[in-house]
């Protein structure tokens, strides 16, 4: 699956090909893996496991998802 999601910074350089990746179907599990970087400050890699259902995608983790500001 990784080839379907190019690891680039900034704007994606064009649309992915139609055959780039799998179709998500009920019963499948995948990870949303967000990378956030701020020049000169640092970065974070955040992950959330998701289960595909007939009508939705349900998160496995119960961690809060709101953005907070430190200091």
PDB file of N, CA and C in Angstrom:
ATOM      1  N   UNK A   1       0.807  -1.200   0.000  1.00  0.00           N
ATOM      2  CA  UNK A   1       0.000   0.000   0.000  1.00  0.00           C
ATOM      3  C   UNK A   1       0.841   1.252   0.000  1.00  0.00           C
ATOM      4  N   UNK A   2       2.029   1.223   0.527  1.00  0.00           N
ATOM      5  CA  UNK A   2       2.819   2.429   0.688  1.00  0.00           C
ATOM      6  C   UNK A   2       3.030   3.178  -0.618  1.00  0.00           C
ATOM      7  N   UNK A   3       3.188   2.481  -1.723  1.00  0.00           N
ATOM      8  CA  UNK A   3       3.447   3.149  -2.996  1.00  0.00           C
ATOM      9  C   UNK A   3       2.312   4.094  -3.375  1.00  0.00           C
ATOM     10  N   UNK A   4       1.101   3.831  -2.901  1.00  0.00           N
ATOM     11  CA  UNK A   4      -0.039   4.679  -3.242  1.00  0.00           C
ATOM     12  C   UNK A   4       0.023   6.022  -2.531  1.00  0.00           C
ATOM     13  N   UNK A   5       0.774   6.103  -1.458  1.00  0.00           N
ATOM     14  CA  UNK A   5       0.842   7.307  -0.651  1.00  0.00           C
ATOM     15  C   UNK A   5       2.283   7.815  -0.631  1.00  0.00           C
ATOM     16  N   UNK A   6       2.621   8.584  -1.652  1.00  0.00           N
ATOM     17  CA  UNK A   6       3.998   9.091  -1.766  1.00  0.00           C
ATOM     18  C   UNK A   6       4.351   9.937  -0.552  1.00  0.00           C
ATOM     19  N   UNK A   7       5.558   9.785  -0.071  1.00  0.00           N
ATOM     20  CA  UNK A   7       6.036  10.557   1.075  1.00  0.00           C
ATOM     21  C   UNK A   7       6.705  11.819   0.542  1.00  0.00           C
ATOM     22  N   UNK A   8       5.940  12.899   0.468  1.00  0.00           N
ATOM     23  CA  UNK A   8       6.456  14.164  -0.034  1.00  0.00           C
ATOM     24  C   UNK A   8       6.135  15.259   0.958  1.00  0.00           C
ATOM     25  N   UNK A   9       6.819  16.367   0.823  1.00  0.00           N
ATOM     26  CA  UNK A   9       6.540  17.539   1.637  1.00  0.00           C
ATOM     27  C   UNK A   9       5.940  18.596   0.721  1.00  0.00           C
ATOM     28  N   UNK A  10       4.974  19.340   1.191  1.00  0.00           N
ATOM     29  CA  UNK A  10       4.339  20.348   0.365  1.00  0.00           C
ATOM     30  C   UNK A  10       3.237  19.738  -0.478  1.00  0.00           C
ATOM     31  N   UNK A  11       3.002  20.324  -1.616  1.00  0.00           N
ATOM     32  CA  UNK A  11       1.920  19.906  -2.498  1.00  0.00           C
ATOM     33  C   UNK A  11       2.284  18.604  -3.196  1.00  0.00           C
ATOM     34  N   UNK A  12       1.318  17.695  -3.279  1.00  0.00           N
ATOM     35  CA  UNK A  12       1.539  16.419  -3.981  1.00  0.00           C
ATOM     36  C   UNK A  12       1.785  16.722  -5.452  1.00  0.00           C
ATOM     37  N   UNK A  13       2.845  16.167  -6.039  1.00  0.00           N
ATOM     38  CA  UNK A  13       3.214  16.502  -7.424  1.00  0.00           C
ATOM     39  C   UNK A  13       2.349  15.797  -8.476  1.00  0.00           C
ATOM     40  N   UNK A  14       1.061  16.061  -8.465  1.00  0.00           N
ATOM     41  CA  UNK A  14       0.160  15.440  -9.434  1.00  0.00           C
ATOM     42  C   UNK A  14      -0.722  14.393  -8.791  1.00  0.00           C
ATOM     43  N   UNK A  15      -1.766  14.039  -9.487  1.00  0.00           N
ATOM     44  CA  UNK A  15      -2.704  13.036  -8.977  1.00  0.00           C
ATOM     45  C   UNK A  15      -2.095  11.640  -9.071  1.00  0.00           C
ATOM     46  N   UNK A  16      -2.353  10.783  -8.083  1.00  0.00           N
ATOM     47  CA  UNK A  16      -1.855   9.405  -8.169  1.00  0.00           C
ATOM     48  C   UNK A  16      -2.562   8.661  -9.300  1.00  0.00           C
ATOM     49  N   UNK A  17      -1.907   7.684  -9.886  1.00  0.00           N
ATOM     50  CA  UNK A  17      -2.566   6.908 -10.941  1.00  0.00           C
ATOM     51  C   UNK A  17      -3.790   6.168 -10.410  1.00  0.00           C
ATOM     52  N   UNK A  18      -4.743   5.884 -11.301  1.00  0.00           N
ATOM     53  CA  UNK A  18      -5.979   5.217 -10.886  1.00  0.00           C
ATOM     54  C   UNK A  18      -5.729   3.863 -10.242  1.00  0.00           C
ATOM     55  N   UNK A  19      -4.684   3.172 -10.648  1.00  0.00           N
ATOM     56  CA  UNK A  19      -4.384   1.849 -10.090  1.00  0.00           C
ATOM     57  C   UNK A  19      -3.349   1.931  -8.967  1.00  0.00           C
ATOM     58  N   UNK A  20      -3.251   3.083  -8.303  1.00  0.00           N
ATOM     59  CA  UNK A  20      -2.209   3.311  -7.307  1.00  0.00           C
ATOM     60  C   UNK A  20      -2.386   2.499  -6.036  1.00  0.00           C
ATOM     61  N   UNK A  21      -3.589   2.162  -5.673  1.00  0.00           N
ATOM     62  CA  UNK A  21      -3.751   1.498  -4.392  1.00  0.00           C
ATOM     63  C   UNK A  21      -5.012   0.676  -4.308  1.00  0.00           C
ATOM     64  N   UNK A  22      -5.172  -0.011  -3.197  1.00  0.00           N
ATOM     65  CA  UNK A  22      -6.320  -0.902  -3.007  1.00  0.00           C
ATOM     66  C   UNK A  22      -7.597  -0.133  -2.696  1.00  0.00           C
ATOM     67  N   UNK A  23      -8.707  -0.780  -2.905  1.00  0.00           N
ATOM     68  CA  UNK A  23     -10.017  -0.263  -2.502  1.00  0.00           C
ATOM     69  C   UNK A  23     -10.228  -0.685  -1.051  1.00  0.00           C
ATOM     70  N   UNK A  24     -10.618   0.255  -0.206  1.00  0.00           N
ATOM     71  CA  UNK A  24     -10.885  -0.083   1.190  1.00  0.00           C
ATOM     72  C   UNK A  24     -12.266  -0.712   1.285  1.00  0.00           C
ATOM     73  N   UNK A  25     -12.324  -1.862   1.954  1.00  0.00           N
ATOM     74  CA  UNK A  25     -13.572  -2.615   2.082  1.00  0.00           C
ATOM     75  C   UNK A  25     -13.873  -2.902   3.541  1.00  0.00           C
ATOM     76  N   UNK A  26     -15.154  -3.127   3.880  1.00  0.00           N
ATOM     77  CA  UNK A  26     -15.524  -3.452   5.260  1.00  0.00           C
ATOM     78  C   UNK A  26     -14.690  -4.611   5.802  1.00  0.00           C
ATOM     79  N   UNK A  27     -14.243  -4.453   7.052  1.00  0.00           N
ATOM     80  CA  UNK A  27     -13.430  -5.473   7.700  1.00  0.00           C
ATOM     81  C   UNK A  27     -11.938  -5.184   7.622  1.00  0.00           C
ATOM     82  N   UNK A  28     -11.532  -4.297   6.719  1.00  0.00           N
ATOM     83  CA  UNK A  28     -10.112  -3.946   6.609  1.00  0.00           C
ATOM     84  C   UNK A  28      -9.731  -2.983   7.726  1.00  0.00           C
ATOM     85  N   UNK A  29      -8.468  -3.022   8.116  1.00  0.00           N
ATOM     86  CA  UNK A  29      -7.915  -2.121   9.126  1.00  0.00           C
ATOM     87  C   UNK A  29      -6.717  -1.422   8.496  1.00  0.00           C
ATOM     88  N   UNK A  30      -6.598  -0.123   8.746  1.00  0.00           N
ATOM     89  CA  UNK A  30      -5.438   0.611   8.241  1.00  0.00           C
ATOM     90  C   UNK A  30      -5.030   1.656   9.262  1.00  0.00           C
ATOM     91  N   UNK A  31      -3.848   2.231   9.059  1.00  0.00           N
ATOM     92  CA  UNK A  31      -3.350   3.254   9.968  1.00  0.00           C
ATOM     93  C   UNK A  31      -3.235   4.580   9.240  1.00  0.00           C
ATOM     94  N   UNK A  32      -3.822   5.609   9.836  1.00  0.00           N
ATOM     95  CA  UNK A  32      -3.569   6.975   9.397  1.00  0.00           C
ATOM     96  C   UNK A  32      -2.311   7.411  10.129  1.00  0.00           C
ATOM     97  N   UNK A  33      -1.310   7.791   9.393  1.00  0.00           N
ATOM     98  CA  UNK A  33      -0.033   8.134  10.021  1.00  0.00           C
ATOM     99  C   UNK A  33       0.364   9.527   9.576  1.00  0.00           C
ATOM    100  N   UNK A  34       0.009  10.512  10.396  1.00  0.00           N
ATOM    101  CA  UNK A  34       0.262  11.909  10.068  1.00  0.00           C
ATOM    102  C   UNK A  34       1.629  12.340  10.585  1.00  0.00           C
ATOM    103  N   UNK A  35       2.383  13.008   9.746  1.00  0.00           N
ATOM    104  CA  UNK A  35       3.670  13.565  10.147  1.00  0.00           C
ATOM    105  C   UNK A  35       3.559  15.081  10.113  1.00  0.00           C
ATOM    106  N   UNK A  36       3.924  15.721  11.224  1.00  0.00           N
ATOM    107  CA  UNK A  36       3.854  17.171  11.331  1.00  0.00           C
ATOM    108  C   UNK A  36       5.247  17.676  11.683  1.00  0.00           C
ATOM    109  N   UNK A  37       5.770  18.598  10.873  1.00  0.00           N
ATOM    110  CA  UNK A  37       7.095  19.157  11.110  1.00  0.00           C
ATOM    111  C   UNK A  37       7.039  20.672  11.037  1.00  0.00           C
ATOM    112  N   UNK A  38       7.724  21.338  11.971  1.00  0.00           N
ATOM    113  CA  UNK A  38       7.833  22.791  11.981  1.00  0.00           C
ATOM    114  C   UNK A  38       9.317  23.124  11.952  1.00  0.00           C
ATOM    115  N   UNK A  39       9.754  23.812  10.890  1.00  0.00           N
ATOM    116  CA  UNK A  39      11.163  24.162  10.732  1.00  0.00           C
ATOM    117  C   UNK A  39      11.709  24.850  11.977  1.00  0.00           C
ATOM    118  N   UNK A  40      12.846  24.391  12.443  1.00  0.00           N
ATOM    119  CA  UNK A  40      13.514  24.987  13.579  1.00  0.00           C
ATOM    120  C   UNK A  40      12.934  24.625  14.931  1.00  0.00           C
ATOM    121  N   UNK A  41      11.832  23.898  14.960  1.00  0.00           N
ATOM    122  CA  UNK A  41      11.208  23.533  16.237  1.00  0.00           C
ATOM    123  C   UNK A  41      11.232  22.028  16.452  1.00  0.00           C
ATOM    124  N   UNK A  42      10.722  21.263  15.519  1.00  0.00           N
ATOM    125  CA  UNK A  42      10.690  19.807  15.671  1.00  0.00           C
ATOM    126  C   UNK A  42       9.539  19.198  14.903  1.00  0.00           C
ATOM    127  N   UNK A  43       9.212  17.986  15.278  1.00  0.00           N
ATOM    128  CA  UNK A  43       8.151  17.295  14.563  1.00  0.00           C
ATOM    129  C   UNK A  43       7.535  16.185  15.387  1.00  0.00           C
ATOM    130  N   UNK A  44       6.498  15.612  14.831  1.00  0.00           N
ATOM    131  CA  UNK A  44       5.809  14.508  15.491  1.00  0.00           C
ATOM    132  C   UNK A  44       5.214  13.592  14.440  1.00  0.00           C
ATOM    133  N   UNK A  45       5.186  12.309  14.735  1.00  0.00           N
ATOM    134  CA  UNK A  45       4.522  11.315  13.897  1.00  0.00           C
ATOM    135  C   UNK A  45       3.352  10.769  14.705  1.00  0.00           C
ATOM    136  N   UNK A  46       2.134  10.991  14.222  1.00  0.00           N
ATOM    137  CA  UNK A  46       0.930  10.622  14.949  1.00  0.00           C
ATOM    138  C   UNK A  46       0.206   9.513  14.205  1.00  0.00           C
ATOM    139  N   UNK A  47      -0.205   8.482  14.907  1.00  0.00           N
ATOM    140  CA  UNK A  47      -0.880   7.366  14.249  1.00  0.00           C
ATOM    141  C   UNK A  47      -2.230   7.056  14.860  1.00  0.00           C
ATOM    142  N   UNK A  48      -3.147   6.580  14.028  1.00  0.00           N
ATOM    143  CA  UNK A  48      -4.478   6.162  14.483  1.00  0.00           C
ATOM    144  C   UNK A  48      -4.906   4.971  13.635  1.00  0.00           C
ATOM    145  N   UNK A  49      -5.196   3.859  14.285  1.00  0.00           N
ATOM    146  CA  UNK A  49      -5.689   2.680  13.582  1.00  0.00           C
ATOM    147  C   UNK A  49      -7.185   2.848  13.339  1.00  0.00           C
ATOM    148  N   UNK A  50      -7.621   2.505  12.120  1.00  0.00           N
ATOM    149  CA  UNK A  50      -9.017   2.649  11.736  1.00  0.00           C
ATOM    150  C   UNK A  50      -9.541   1.326  11.180  1.00  0.00           C
ATOM    151  N   UNK A  51     -10.793   1.003  11.513  1.00  0.00           N
ATOM    152  CA  UNK A  51     -11.458  -0.170  10.948  1.00  0.00           C
ATOM    153  C   UNK A  51     -12.541   0.311   9.987  1.00  0.00           C
ATOM    154  N   UNK A  52     -12.554  -0.234   8.786  1.00  0.00           N
ATOM    155  CA  UNK A  52     -13.578   0.102   7.800  1.00  0.00           C
ATOM    156  C   UNK A  52     -14.814  -0.759   8.072  1.00  0.00           C
ATOM    157  N   UNK A  53     -15.980  -0.103   8.132  1.00  0.00           N
ATOM    158  CA  UNK A  53     -17.255  -0.826   8.284  1.00  0.00           C
ATOM    159  C   UNK A  53     -18.075  -0.616   7.001  1.00  0.00           C
ATOM    160  N   UNK A  54     -19.287  -1.101   6.986  1.00  0.00           N
ATOM    161  CA  UNK A  54     -20.162  -0.922   5.817  1.00  0.00           C
ATOM    162  C   UNK A  54     -20.459   0.550   5.556  1.00  0.00           C
ATOM    163  N   UNK A  55     -20.477   1.369   6.605  1.00  0.00           N
ATOM    164  CA  UNK A  55     -20.902   2.763   6.455  1.00  0.00           C
ATOM    165  C   UNK A  55     -19.919   3.803   6.976  1.00  0.00           C
ATOM    166  N   UNK A  56     -18.800   3.375   7.585  1.00  0.00           N
ATOM    167  CA  UNK A  56     -17.964   4.341   8.298  1.00  0.00           C
ATOM    168  C   UNK A  56     -16.546   3.819   8.458  1.00  0.00           C
ATOM    169  N   UNK A  57     -15.717   4.602   9.102  1.00  0.00           N
ATOM    170  CA  UNK A  57     -14.392   4.181   9.540  1.00  0.00           C
ATOM    171  C   UNK A  57     -14.304   4.493  11.030  1.00  0.00           C
ATOM    172  N   UNK A  58     -14.052   3.483  11.846  1.00  0.00           N
ATOM    173  CA  UNK A  58     -14.042   3.648  13.299  1.00  0.00           C
ATOM    174  C   UNK A  58     -12.620   3.620  13.843  1.00  0.00           C
ATOM    175  N   UNK A  59     -12.269   4.615  14.674  1.00  0.00           N
ATOM    176  CA  UNK A  59     -10.936   4.625  15.282  1.00  0.00           C
ATOM    177  C   UNK A  59     -10.816   3.568  16.379  1.00  0.00           C
ATOM    178  N   UNK A  60      -9.636   2.963  16.494  1.00  0.00           N
ATOM    179  CA  UNK A  60      -9.369   2.003  17.564  1.00  0.00           C
ATOM    180  C   UNK A  60      -8.924   2.701  18.850  1.00  0.00           C
ATOM    181  N   UNK A  61      -8.205   3.805  18.711  1.00  0.00           N
ATOM    182  CA  UNK A  61      -7.638   4.487  19.874  1.00  0.00           C
ATOM    183  C   UNK A  61      -8.589   5.561  20.382  1.00  0.00           C
ATOM    184  N   UNK A  62      -8.616   5.741  21.696  1.00  0.00           N
ATOM    185  CA  UNK A  62      -9.506   6.727  22.294  1.00  0.00           C
ATOM    186  C   UNK A  62      -8.804   8.024  22.666  1.00  0.00           C
ATOM    187  N   UNK A  63      -7.617   8.271  22.117  1.00  0.00           N
ATOM    188  CA  UNK A  63      -6.876   9.483  22.458  1.00  0.00           C
ATOM    189  C   UNK A  63      -7.591  10.712  21.916  1.00  0.00           C
ATOM    190  N   UNK A  64      -7.501  11.832  22.662  1.00  0.00           N
ATOM    191  CA  UNK A  64      -8.137  13.065  22.169  1.00  0.00           C
ATOM    192  C   UNK A  64      -7.489  13.520  20.862  1.00  0.00           C
ATOM    193  N   UNK A  65      -8.278  14.113  19.972  1.00  0.00           N
ATOM    194  CA  UNK A  65      -7.774  14.529  18.670  1.00  0.00           C
ATOM    195  C   UNK A  65      -7.699  16.037  18.497  1.00  0.00           C
ATOM    196  N   UNK A  66      -8.028  16.807  19.536  1.00  0.00           N
ATOM    197  CA  UNK A  66      -7.987  18.247  19.386  1.00  0.00           C
ATOM    198  C   UNK A  66      -6.547  18.782  19.473  1.00  0.00           C
ATOM    199  N   UNK A  67      -6.319  19.909  18.812  1.00  0.00           N
ATOM    200  CA  UNK A  67      -5.014  20.555  18.791  1.00  0.00           C
ATOM    201  C   UNK A  67      -4.860  21.420  20.045  1.00  0.00           C
ATOM    202  N   UNK A  68      -3.710  21.325  20.699  1.00  0.00           N
ATOM    203  CA  UNK A  68      -3.447  22.167  21.861  1.00  0.00           C
ATOM    204  C   UNK A  68      -2.204  23.013  21.586  1.00  0.00           C
ATOM    205  N   UNK A  69      -2.114  24.144  22.241  1.00  0.00           N
ATOM    206  CA  UNK A  69      -0.967  25.031  22.115  1.00  0.00           C
ATOM    207  C   UNK A  69      -0.198  25.014  23.434  1.00  0.00           C
ATOM    208  N   UNK A  70       1.094  24.798  23.348  1.00  0.00           N
ATOM    209  CA  UNK A  70       1.934  24.778  24.540  1.00  0.00           C
ATOM    210  C   UNK A  70       2.658  26.114  24.684  1.00  0.00           C
ATOM    211  N   UNK A  71       2.653  26.625  25.906  1.00  0.00           N
ATOM    212  CA  UNK A  71       3.424  27.812  26.234  1.00  0.00           C
ATOM    213  C   UNK A  71       3.072  28.996  25.494  1.00  0.00           C
TER     214      UNK A  71
END
